[in-house]
């Protein structure tokens, strides 16, 4: 008899719950058996759409013996407390990035994770997109030569419409603004492609949004072994997602044109990839591999890791490194100096 599906509950039913819930419906490995958000009408609607129970509280989910794993798509500020509560209740945890809102919360989460013996996976999905996987393959097979630097952009204009009833409006709830909410994906992917971060320098500006947050950021990262990356994010300019990697033998350029960011299963179809080899003029298209979509890939890996005890590709270590780039960029911008990873991660055992 085949193994039963991994039974999960989804907590936090904002807009990103849509691609997560849709991926769970497509999965052959996972059952969504419950959901919860504080808004009773919203959770009843989501439960009806996805064929699961509308739980009365987060505590009810944690107390349920039927729930094996919890998926959190809640505001950043509550991640640490919710992760620790779930681990203490004996649940496996997948949490949408960032793992915690600030680095100071990480030690408590790491301690709870190690004590629990459970899986803790973090939703840094974009490294799993087919275009980024192909860039990694071009590095590994030598096509690009030695990677020297990368430039990345992630922007949208939604910050122009932020109001005080939305948590992303506030600096303490969304430190780093667009860097935290969008750029952190590139932070993880750049670490994946170029290696662990060594130092970070940030420039942050509040130029156009009515919100408290800064709305335009630049982050310069030095990676182990010498490569450098630059990352620009904005909450007040049109939606752009690009990554260009420069090596000694080639430059490879990725662009993702998102029709609707909640339709995450279309990511690979919406990606174009091109390469310019040393000594050649112009760009040559590179086919984007046919691969499982990034959301389905990460939630099914979570289920596999929970069942086997394997480490997820983006577990606590990768998540803390990405968060350190965000917080380091913010602290650098405030202090006017470069921040070392050793300084940022002092007292955090990853």
Protein backbone atom coordinates (compact mmCIF):
# COMPACT_ATOMS: atom_id res chain seq x y z
CA UNK A 1 0.00 0.00 0.00
CA UNK A 2 1.33 3.45 -0.90
CA UNK A 3 2.19 5.87 1.87
CA UNK A 4 -0.56 8.28 2.86
CA UNK A 5 -0.27 11.89 1.84
CA UNK A 6 1.45 14.28 4.23
CA UNK A 7 -1.28 16.16 6.12
CA UNK A 8 -0.87 19.91 6.45
CA UNK A 9 -2.63 23.05 7.62
CA UNK A 10 -2.17 26.47 6.01
CA UNK A 11 -2.09 29.45 8.36
CA UNK A 12 -2.37 33.02 7.10
CA UNK A 13 -4.67 33.44 4.10
CA UNK A 14 -3.41 36.59 2.43
CA UNK A 15 -2.63 36.85 -1.27
CA UNK A 16 0.38 34.48 -1.18
CA UNK A 17 -1.83 31.73 0.24
CA UNK A 18 -3.37 31.48 -3.24
CA UNK A 19 -0.28 30.06 -5.04
CA UNK A 20 0.52 27.89 -2.02
CA UNK A 21 -3.01 26.49 -1.84
CA UNK A 22 -3.11 25.94 -5.60
CA UNK A 23 0.20 24.05 -5.46
CA UNK A 24 -1.12 21.84 -2.66
CA UNK A 25 -4.13 20.95 -4.82
CA UNK A 26 -1.77 19.89 -7.63
CA UNK A 27 0.39 17.82 -5.31
CA UNK A 28 0.29 14.04 -5.18
CA UNK A 29 2.19 14.05 -1.88
CA UNK A 30 0.34 16.53 0.33
CA UNK A 31 -3.18 16.93 1.66
CA UNK A 32 -4.39 20.30 2.91
CA UNK A 33 -6.74 19.34 5.73
CA UNK A 34 -7.19 22.67 7.56
CA UNK A 35 -6.67 26.39 7.24
CA UNK A 36 -6.79 29.37 9.56
CA UNK A 37 -6.84 33.15 9.49
CA UNK A 38 -8.41 35.53 11.99
CA UNK A 39 -11.04 36.70 9.49
CA UNK A 40 -13.86 34.16 9.82
CA UNK A 41 -15.39 34.93 6.42
CA UNK A 42 -12.06 34.65 4.63
CA UNK A 43 -11.16 31.31 6.22
CA UNK A 44 -14.62 29.87 5.47
CA UNK A 45 -14.29 30.90 1.84
CA UNK A 46 -10.77 29.48 1.53
CA UNK A 47 -11.81 26.23 3.21
CA UNK A 48 -14.73 25.79 0.83
CA UNK A 49 -12.56 26.50 -2.21
CA UNK A 50 -9.81 24.11 -1.16
CA UNK A 51 -11.90 21.39 0.44
CA UNK A 52 -10.42 21.62 3.93
CA UNK A 53 -11.57 22.42 7.46
CA UNK A 54 -11.79 26.04 8.60
CA UNK A 55 -10.04 25.81 11.97
CA UNK A 56 -11.26 28.01 14.79
CA UNK A 57 -7.76 29.06 15.92
CA UNK A 58 -4.06 28.49 15.42
CA UNK A 59 -4.03 26.66 18.74
CA UNK A 60 -6.67 24.25 17.43
CA UNK A 61 -4.41 23.40 14.51
CA UNK A 62 -1.46 22.79 16.81
CA UNK A 63 -3.56 20.58 19.06
CA UNK A 64 -4.90 18.47 16.19
CA UNK A 65 -3.31 15.01 15.99
CA UNK A 66 -4.24 14.87 12.29
CA UNK A 67 -2.00 17.78 11.29
CA UNK A 68 1.58 16.69 10.61
CA UNK A 69 2.93 19.93 9.16
CA UNK A 70 2.08 23.61 9.34
CA UNK A 71 2.58 26.03 6.46
CA UNK A 72 2.83 29.68 7.52
CA UNK A 73 2.07 32.57 5.16
CA UNK A 74 1.54 35.08 7.93
CA UNK A 75 3.02 38.58 8.48
CA UNK A 76 6.76 38.56 9.11
CA UNK A 77 6.48 39.91 12.64
CA UNK A 78 4.73 36.77 13.95
CA UNK A 79 6.92 34.18 12.23
CA UNK A 80 9.24 33.52 15.16
CA UNK A 81 6.49 32.95 17.73
CA UNK A 82 4.40 30.83 15.37
CA UNK A 83 7.34 28.68 14.28
CA UNK A 84 8.39 27.99 17.87
CA UNK A 85 4.82 27.19 18.92
CA UNK A 86 4.42 24.72 16.06
CA UNK A 87 7.76 23.02 16.71
CA UNK A 88 6.96 22.78 20.43
CA UNK A 89 3.66 21.13 19.46
CA UNK A 90 5.52 18.48 17.46
CA UNK A 91 4.66 19.82 14.01
CA UNK A 92 6.94 20.12 11.03
CA UNK A 93 7.08 23.72 9.77
CA UNK A 94 7.32 25.38 6.38
CA UNK A 95 7.33 29.19 6.60
CA UNK A 96 7.28 31.71 3.79
CA UNK A 97 10.38 33.92 3.83
CA UNK A 98 11.77 35.57 5.90
CA UNK A 99 12.37 32.96 8.56
CA UNK A 100 12.07 35.74 11.18
CA UNK A 101 11.49 39.46 10.96
CA UNK A 102 14.86 40.35 12.53
CA UNK A 103 18.08 38.45 13.20
CA UNK A 104 17.66 38.82 16.97
CA UNK A 105 14.73 36.38 16.79
CA UNK A 106 16.74 33.69 14.99
CA UNK A 107 18.53 32.10 17.99
CA UNK A 108 15.24 31.22 19.68
CA UNK A 109 13.87 29.68 16.49
CA UNK A 110 17.07 27.71 15.88
CA UNK A 111 17.05 26.41 19.46
CA UNK A 112 13.42 25.29 19.17
CA UNK A 113 14.10 23.65 15.80
CA UNK A 114 17.08 21.66 17.05
CA UNK A 115 15.24 20.57 20.20
CA UNK A 116 12.19 19.43 18.22
CA UNK A 117 13.85 17.10 15.75
CA UNK A 118 11.35 18.33 13.19
CA UNK A 119 11.80 19.80 9.71
CA UNK A 120 12.00 23.57 9.32
CA UNK A 121 11.85 24.68 5.69
CA UNK A 122 11.75 28.28 4.48
CA UNK A 123 10.00 29.48 1.33
CA UNK A 124 12.81 30.88 -0.78
CA UNK A 125 11.18 29.56 -3.92
CA UNK A 126 12.83 31.62 -6.66
CA UNK A 127 16.14 29.74 -6.65
CA UNK A 128 14.01 26.76 -7.78
CA UNK A 129 12.74 28.54 -10.91
CA UNK A 130 13.97 26.80 -14.05
CA UNK A 131 15.94 29.82 -15.28
CA UNK A 132 17.99 30.02 -12.10
CA UNK A 133 18.55 26.27 -12.12
CA UNK A 134 19.86 26.60 -15.68
CA UNK A 135 22.25 29.41 -14.69
CA UNK A 136 23.58 27.21 -11.89
CA UNK A 137 24.10 24.39 -14.42
CA UNK A 138 26.00 26.76 -16.76
CA UNK A 139 28.28 27.66 -13.84
CA UNK A 140 28.86 24.04 -12.88
CA UNK A 141 29.63 22.85 -16.43
CA UNK A 142 32.12 25.68 -17.00
CA UNK A 143 30.19 27.48 -19.75
CA UNK A 144 30.24 30.79 -17.89
CA UNK A 145 33.80 30.37 -16.68
CA UNK A 146 34.58 31.84 -13.29
CA UNK A 147 31.58 33.86 -12.01
CA UNK A 148 32.77 37.36 -11.08
CA UNK A 149 29.71 39.52 -10.47
CA UNK A 150 25.96 39.58 -10.77
CA UNK A 151 23.33 42.31 -10.98
CA UNK A 152 19.70 41.78 -9.99
CA UNK A 153 16.51 43.85 -9.87
CA UNK A 154 13.12 43.16 -8.26
CA UNK A 155 10.52 45.92 -8.24
CA UNK A 156 6.84 46.73 -8.32
CA UNK A 157 4.78 49.86 -7.77
CA UNK A 158 2.45 48.65 -5.02
CA UNK A 159 4.15 50.77 -2.36
CA UNK A 160 2.52 53.83 -3.87
CA UNK A 161 -0.78 52.52 -2.54
CA UNK A 162 0.22 51.33 0.94
CA UNK A 163 -2.01 52.64 3.73
CA UNK A 164 -1.69 52.35 7.53
CA UNK A 165 -4.11 49.40 7.63
CA UNK A 166 -1.46 47.22 5.88
CA UNK A 167 1.47 45.84 7.84
CA UNK A 168 3.91 46.48 4.99
CA UNK A 169 3.37 50.21 5.60
CA UNK A 170 5.40 50.16 8.81
CA UNK A 171 9.17 50.11 9.15
CA UNK A 172 9.21 47.87 12.24
CA UNK A 173 6.90 45.30 10.64
CA UNK A 174 8.61 45.37 7.24
CA UNK A 175 12.24 46.41 7.81
CA UNK A 176 13.93 46.97 4.48
CA UNK A 177 10.63 47.49 2.64
CA UNK A 178 10.99 46.07 -0.89
CA UNK A 179 14.31 44.44 -0.01
CA UNK A 180 12.61 42.35 2.67
CA UNK A 181 9.46 41.52 0.74
CA UNK A 182 10.91 40.96 -2.74
CA UNK A 183 14.67 41.39 -2.81
CA UNK A 184 15.24 38.71 -0.19
CA UNK A 185 14.41 36.20 -2.94
CA UNK A 186 17.33 37.51 -4.99
CA UNK A 187 19.49 37.50 -1.84
CA UNK A 188 18.99 33.77 -1.52
CA UNK A 189 19.41 33.12 -5.25
CA UNK A 190 22.61 35.18 -5.43
CA UNK A 191 24.01 33.21 -2.48
CA UNK A 192 22.98 30.01 -4.29
CA UNK A 193 24.80 31.08 -7.47
CA UNK A 194 27.85 32.91 -6.06
CA UNK A 195 28.42 31.47 -2.58
CA UNK A 196 27.92 32.52 1.02
CA UNK A 197 27.92 36.26 1.75
CA UNK A 198 30.96 37.78 3.45
CA UNK A 199 29.98 41.44 3.71
CA UNK A 200 27.14 43.76 2.71
CA UNK A 201 26.76 47.47 1.98
CA UNK A 202 23.38 49.18 1.63
CA UNK A 203 21.92 52.44 0.37
CA UNK A 204 18.23 52.96 1.20
CA UNK A 205 15.97 55.84 0.18
CA UNK A 206 12.39 56.93 0.84
CA UNK A 207 11.49 58.66 -2.42
CA UNK A 208 7.84 58.19 -3.39
CA UNK A 209 5.79 55.97 -1.07
CA UNK A 210 3.45 57.44 1.57
CA UNK A 211 4.44 54.59 3.89
CA UNK A 212 7.07 54.67 6.64
CA UNK A 213 9.35 52.25 4.83
CA UNK A 214 12.19 53.14 2.49
CA UNK A 215 11.04 52.39 -1.05
CA UNK A 216 14.26 52.16 -3.11
CA UNK A 217 17.28 50.12 -2.00
CA UNK A 218 20.66 49.09 -3.34
CA UNK A 219 22.57 46.21 -1.74
CA UNK A 220 26.16 45.32 -2.61
CA UNK A 221 27.34 41.91 -1.41
CA UNK A 222 30.80 40.38 -1.40
CA UNK A 223 30.62 36.60 -1.59
CA UNK A 224 33.09 33.99 -0.43
CA UNK A 225 36.01 33.68 -2.84
CA UNK A 226 35.61 37.16 -4.28
CA UNK A 227 32.46 37.46 -6.46
CA UNK A 228 30.35 40.58 -6.01
CA UNK A 229 26.63 41.15 -6.51
CA UNK A 230 24.42 44.21 -6.69
CA UNK A 231 20.71 44.14 -5.96
CA UNK A 232 18.22 46.95 -6.61
CA UNK A 233 14.67 46.86 -5.23
CA UNK A 234 11.79 49.29 -5.43
CA UNK A 235 8.20 49.49 -4.22
CA UNK A 236 7.39 52.48 -6.43
CA UNK A 237 8.44 51.62 -9.99
CA UNK A 238 6.94 49.19 -12.55
CA UNK A 239 7.37 45.47 -12.01
CA UNK A 240 10.79 44.19 -13.12
CA UNK A 241 12.52 40.91 -12.30
CA UNK A 242 15.98 40.44 -13.81
CA UNK A 243 19.26 38.75 -12.99
CA UNK A 244 22.46 39.00 -15.05
CA UNK A 245 25.57 37.01 -14.16
CA UNK A 246 28.99 37.91 -15.57
CA UNK A 247 31.74 35.30 -15.86
CA UNK A 248 35.15 35.09 -17.49
CA UNK A 249 33.74 33.15 -20.46
CA UNK A 250 30.18 34.38 -20.79
CA UNK A 251 27.42 36.62 -19.50
CA UNK A 252 23.98 35.11 -18.95
CA UNK A 253 20.85 37.26 -18.63
CA UNK A 254 17.49 36.27 -17.16
CA UNK A 255 14.24 38.20 -17.30
CA UNK A 256 10.95 37.13 -15.79
CA UNK A 257 7.82 38.89 -17.01
CA UNK A 258 5.07 38.11 -14.53
CA UNK A 259 1.51 38.30 -15.82
CA UNK A 260 0.21 37.79 -12.29
CA UNK A 261 2.58 36.99 -9.44
CA UNK A 262 -0.01 34.75 -7.76
CA UNK A 263 0.14 32.44 -10.81
CA UNK A 264 3.47 31.05 -9.67
CA UNK A 265 3.11 27.87 -11.72
CA UNK A 266 3.65 30.01 -14.85
CA UNK A 267 7.08 31.24 -13.73
CA UNK A 268 9.07 29.03 -16.09
CA UNK A 269 6.90 29.95 -19.08
CA UNK A 270 7.35 33.64 -18.27
CA UNK A 271 11.16 33.44 -18.13
CA UNK A 272 13.58 34.27 -20.94
CA UNK A 273 17.27 33.41 -20.79
CA UNK A 274 20.08 34.53 -23.10
CA UNK A 275 23.87 34.17 -23.19
CA UNK A 276 26.71 36.16 -24.71
CA UNK A 277 29.95 34.21 -25.04
CA UNK A 278 33.39 35.79 -24.90
CA UNK A 279 34.49 36.87 -28.37
CA UNK A 280 30.96 36.82 -29.77
CA UNK A 281 28.70 39.77 -30.57
CA UNK A 282 25.09 39.75 -29.44
CA UNK A 283 22.97 37.37 -27.44
CA UNK A 284 21.91 33.77 -28.06
CA UNK A 285 18.68 32.45 -26.57
CA UNK A 286 19.03 29.64 -24.04
CA UNK A 287 16.05 27.26 -23.73
CA UNK A 288 14.49 27.28 -20.26
CA UNK A 289 14.22 23.68 -19.03
CA UNK A 290 10.85 22.08 -18.48
CA UNK A 291 10.68 21.65 -14.73
CA UNK A 292 8.13 21.45 -11.95
CA UNK A 293 6.96 24.87 -10.83
CA UNK A 294 8.88 26.39 -7.96
CA UNK A 295 6.04 26.40 -5.41
CA UNK A 296 5.07 22.77 -5.97
CA UNK A 297 8.74 21.82 -5.82
CA UNK A 298 9.33 23.43 -2.44
CA UNK A 299 6.19 22.20 -0.68
CA UNK A 300 6.69 18.64 -1.91
CA UNK A 301 10.32 18.73 -0.80
CA UNK A 302 9.04 19.86 2.61
CA UNK A 303 6.81 16.79 2.78
CA UNK A 304 9.66 14.50 1.71
CA UNK A 305 12.03 15.96 4.30
CA UNK A 306 9.44 15.65 7.06
CA UNK A 307 9.01 11.96 6.23
CA UNK A 308 12.69 11.09 5.70
CA UNK A 309 14.56 13.47 8.01
CA UNK A 310 16.54 14.97 5.12
CA UNK A 311 17.47 18.66 5.20
CA UNK A 312 15.49 20.96 2.90
CA UNK A 313 17.42 22.89 0.28
CA UNK A 314 16.42 26.17 1.90
CA UNK A 315 16.49 25.39 5.57
CA UNK A 316 17.49 27.53 8.56
CA UNK A 317 21.07 28.18 7.40
CA UNK A 318 20.13 29.47 3.96
CA UNK A 319 17.25 31.49 5.39
CA UNK A 320 19.39 33.17 8.04
CA UNK A 321 22.02 34.11 5.44
CA UNK A 322 19.37 35.73 3.24
CA UNK A 323 17.88 37.58 6.21
CA UNK A 324 21.35 38.74 7.23
CA UNK A 325 21.78 40.41 3.84
CA UNK A 326 18.52 42.30 4.30
CA UNK A 327 19.22 43.39 7.85
CA UNK A 328 22.86 44.03 7.04
CA UNK A 329 21.90 46.27 4.14
CA UNK A 330 19.52 48.21 6.41
CA UNK A 331 22.10 48.58 9.16
CA UNK A 332 24.78 49.57 6.66
CA UNK A 333 22.54 52.26 5.20
CA UNK A 334 21.91 53.66 8.68
CA UNK A 335 25.54 53.47 9.84
CA UNK A 336 27.15 54.52 6.56
CA UNK A 337 29.59 51.63 6.54
CA UNK A 338 30.07 48.09 5.30
CA UNK A 339 28.73 45.32 7.54
CA UNK A 340 30.59 42.02 7.92
CA UNK A 341 28.63 38.76 8.12
CA UNK A 342 30.66 37.73 11.15
CA UNK A 343 29.33 40.82 12.91
CA UNK A 344 25.74 40.28 11.80
CA UNK A 345 25.71 36.59 12.70
CA UNK A 346 27.50 36.92 16.02
CA UNK A 347 25.73 34.72 18.55
CA UNK A 348 23.66 32.94 15.86
CA UNK A 349 24.69 29.30 15.42
CA UNK A 350 23.82 28.38 11.86
